[in-house]
């Protein structure tokens, strides 16, 4: 129970390349840790760029946060996934949290 009148810290736990939010939540110990230390952890899902074949693992979902090879970057104007872009993305994601949860 994370109810509070003062709020709680928020931690974004991002999965790795070809991972999923569900898989990250399942294999990460952060839910228990957040309960013990009074913060909220969120596991967002990255964009999928389709599938690829990975040797013994077969077809995998190519999910990624900032793989410039998959995103069409760099363009003539430079990289499309700059640090500034990622900071804005995180801010936009936090802004989606309902006001009664902040």
C-alpha atoms as a PDB file:
ATOM      1  CA  UNK A   1       0.000   0.000   0.000  1.00  0.00           C
ATOM      2  CA  UNK A   2       1.615   3.236  -1.170  1.00  0.00           C
ATOM      3  CA  UNK A   3      -1.152   5.609  -0.085  1.00  0.00           C
ATOM      4  CA  UNK A   4       0.134   8.900   1.260  1.00  0.00           C
ATOM      5  CA  UNK A   5      -0.699  12.575   1.472  1.00  0.00           C
ATOM      6  CA  UNK A   6       2.924  13.528   0.800  1.00  0.00           C
ATOM      7  CA  UNK A   7       3.751  11.365  -2.219  1.00  0.00           C
ATOM      8  CA  UNK A   8       6.482   8.830  -2.946  1.00  0.00           C
ATOM      9  CA  UNK A   9       9.592   8.694  -5.126  1.00  0.00           C
ATOM     10  CA  UNK A  10       9.054   7.139  -8.544  1.00  0.00           C
ATOM     11  CA  UNK A  11      11.583   4.800 -10.204  1.00  0.00           C
ATOM     12  CA  UNK A  12      11.351   3.768 -13.863  1.00  0.00           C
ATOM     13  CA  UNK A  13      12.759   0.260 -14.401  1.00  0.00           C
ATOM     14  CA  UNK A  14      13.472  -0.122 -18.132  1.00  0.00           C
ATOM     15  CA  UNK A  15      13.908  -3.574 -19.676  1.00  0.00           C
ATOM     16  CA  UNK A  16      16.785  -4.368 -22.016  1.00  0.00           C
ATOM     17  CA  UNK A  17      16.836  -4.960 -25.763  1.00  0.00           C
ATOM     18  CA  UNK A  18      14.193  -7.508 -26.829  1.00  0.00           C
ATOM     19  CA  UNK A  19      12.801  -7.584 -23.298  1.00  0.00           C
ATOM     20  CA  UNK A  20       9.337  -6.803 -22.021  1.00  0.00           C
ATOM     21  CA  UNK A  21       7.913  -4.800 -19.158  1.00  0.00           C
ATOM     22  CA  UNK A  22       6.327  -7.971 -17.768  1.00  0.00           C
ATOM     23  CA  UNK A  23       9.598  -9.898 -17.951  1.00  0.00           C
ATOM     24  CA  UNK A  24      11.490  -7.074 -16.238  1.00  0.00           C
ATOM     25  CA  UNK A  25       8.913  -6.903 -13.457  1.00  0.00           C
ATOM     26  CA  UNK A  26       8.952 -10.691 -13.032  1.00  0.00           C
ATOM     27  CA  UNK A  27      12.746 -11.051 -12.791  1.00  0.00           C
ATOM     28  CA  UNK A  28      13.562  -7.812 -10.970  1.00  0.00           C
ATOM     29  CA  UNK A  29      13.504  -7.698  -7.164  1.00  0.00           C
ATOM     30  CA  UNK A  30      12.357  -4.069  -7.246  1.00  0.00           C
ATOM     31  CA  UNK A  31       8.722  -4.680  -6.263  1.00  0.00           C
ATOM     32  CA  UNK A  32       9.775  -6.124  -2.915  1.00  0.00           C
ATOM     33  CA  UNK A  33      12.476  -3.466  -2.512  1.00  0.00           C
ATOM     34  CA  UNK A  34      10.029  -0.645  -3.250  1.00  0.00           C
ATOM     35  CA  UNK A  35       7.573  -2.018  -0.709  1.00  0.00           C
ATOM     36  CA  UNK A  36      10.312  -2.163   1.922  1.00  0.00           C
ATOM     37  CA  UNK A  37      11.670   1.320   1.150  1.00  0.00           C
ATOM     38  CA  UNK A  38       8.478   3.229   0.355  1.00  0.00           C
ATOM     39  CA  UNK A  39       8.831   4.169  -3.320  1.00  0.00           C
ATOM     40  CA  UNK A  40       6.904   3.299  -6.480  1.00  0.00           C
ATOM     41  CA  UNK A  41       8.461   1.362  -9.350  1.00  0.00           C
ATOM     42  CA  UNK A  42       7.034   1.438 -12.890  1.00  0.00           C
ATOM     43  CA  UNK A  43       7.953  -0.946 -15.731  1.00  0.00           C
ATOM     44  CA  UNK A  44       7.165   0.732 -19.078  1.00  0.00           C
ATOM     45  CA  UNK A  45       7.138  -1.221 -22.363  1.00  0.00           C
ATOM     46  CA  UNK A  46       9.498  -0.123 -25.155  1.00  0.00           C
ATOM     47  CA  UNK A  47       8.613   0.197 -28.819  1.00  0.00           C
ATOM     48  CA  UNK A  48       8.747  -2.919 -30.966  1.00  0.00           C
ATOM     49  CA  UNK A  49      10.570  -2.736 -34.289  1.00  0.00           C
ATOM     50  CA  UNK A  50       9.382  -6.184 -35.395  1.00  0.00           C
ATOM     51  CA  UNK A  51      11.065  -9.555 -34.972  1.00  0.00           C
ATOM     52  CA  UNK A  52      14.513 -10.942 -35.638  1.00  0.00           C
ATOM     53  CA  UNK A  53      16.018 -14.437 -35.490  1.00  0.00           C
ATOM     54  CA  UNK A  54      18.497 -15.047 -32.686  1.00  0.00           C
ATOM     55  CA  UNK A  55      20.291 -18.401 -33.076  1.00  0.00           C
ATOM     56  CA  UNK A  56      19.139 -20.932 -30.491  1.00  0.00           C
ATOM     57  CA  UNK A  57      16.371 -18.617 -29.206  1.00  0.00           C
ATOM     58  CA  UNK A  58      14.540 -18.394 -32.535  1.00  0.00           C
ATOM     59  CA  UNK A  59      12.386 -15.388 -33.385  1.00  0.00           C
ATOM     60  CA  UNK A  60      12.582 -12.567 -30.845  1.00  0.00           C
ATOM     61  CA  UNK A  61      10.658  -9.310 -30.523  1.00  0.00           C
ATOM     62  CA  UNK A  62      13.011  -6.394 -31.211  1.00  0.00           C
ATOM     63  CA  UNK A  63      11.905  -3.996 -28.462  1.00  0.00           C
ATOM     64  CA  UNK A  64      14.255  -1.136 -27.713  1.00  0.00           C
ATOM     65  CA  UNK A  65      14.445   2.251 -26.030  1.00  0.00           C
ATOM     66  CA  UNK A  66      17.305   3.818 -27.941  1.00  0.00           C
ATOM     67  CA  UNK A  67      18.770   1.532 -30.582  1.00  0.00           C
ATOM     68  CA  UNK A  68      19.899   3.975 -33.226  1.00  0.00           C
ATOM     69  CA  UNK A  69      20.290   1.165 -35.768  1.00  0.00           C
ATOM     70  CA  UNK A  70      16.577   0.353 -35.543  1.00  0.00           C
ATOM     71  CA  UNK A  71      15.278   3.893 -35.336  1.00  0.00           C
ATOM     72  CA  UNK A  72      16.571   5.223 -38.641  1.00  0.00           C
ATOM     73  CA  UNK A  73      19.107   7.428 -36.879  1.00  0.00           C
ATOM     74  CA  UNK A  74      21.198   9.323 -37.545  1.00  0.00           C
ATOM     75  CA  UNK A  75      19.365  11.472 -40.031  1.00  0.00           C
ATOM     76  CA  UNK A  76      20.829  14.297 -42.068  1.00  0.00           C
ATOM     77  CA  UNK A  77      20.060  16.498 -39.043  1.00  0.00           C
ATOM     78  CA  UNK A  78      21.892  14.204 -36.604  1.00  0.00           C
ATOM     79  CA  UNK A  79      20.792  11.564 -34.100  1.00  0.00           C
ATOM     80  CA  UNK A  80      17.072  11.239 -33.439  1.00  0.00           C
ATOM     81  CA  UNK A  81      17.550   9.793 -29.945  1.00  0.00           C
ATOM     82  CA  UNK A  82      19.566  12.379 -28.101  1.00  0.00           C
ATOM     83  CA  UNK A  83      19.906  12.642 -24.334  1.00  0.00           C
ATOM     84  CA  UNK A  84      17.526  15.621 -24.486  1.00  0.00           C
ATOM     85  CA  UNK A  85      14.980  13.456 -26.325  1.00  0.00           C
ATOM     86  CA  UNK A  86      15.164  10.769 -23.609  1.00  0.00           C
ATOM     87  CA  UNK A  87      14.780  13.340 -20.822  1.00  0.00           C
ATOM     88  CA  UNK A  88      11.686  14.759 -22.519  1.00  0.00           C
ATOM     89  CA  UNK A  89      10.306  11.231 -22.934  1.00  0.00           C
ATOM     90  CA  UNK A  90      10.715  10.505 -19.213  1.00  0.00           C
ATOM     91  CA  UNK A  91       9.047  13.818 -18.304  1.00  0.00           C
ATOM     92  CA  UNK A  92       6.145  13.059 -20.680  1.00  0.00           C
ATOM     93  CA  UNK A  93       5.752   9.597 -19.162  1.00  0.00           C
ATOM     94  CA  UNK A  94       5.618  10.975 -15.613  1.00  0.00           C
ATOM     95  CA  UNK A  95       3.067  13.569 -16.758  1.00  0.00           C
ATOM     96  CA  UNK A  96       0.752  10.690 -17.755  1.00  0.00           C
ATOM     97  CA  UNK A  97       0.440   9.594 -14.143  1.00  0.00           C
ATOM     98  CA  UNK A  98      -2.965  10.681 -12.830  1.00  0.00           C
ATOM     99  CA  UNK A  99      -2.845  13.687 -10.491  1.00  0.00           C
ATOM    100  CA  UNK A 100      -4.304  11.664  -7.634  1.00  0.00           C
ATOM    101  CA  UNK A 101      -1.255   9.345  -7.823  1.00  0.00           C
ATOM    102  CA  UNK A 102       1.404  12.081  -7.710  1.00  0.00           C
END
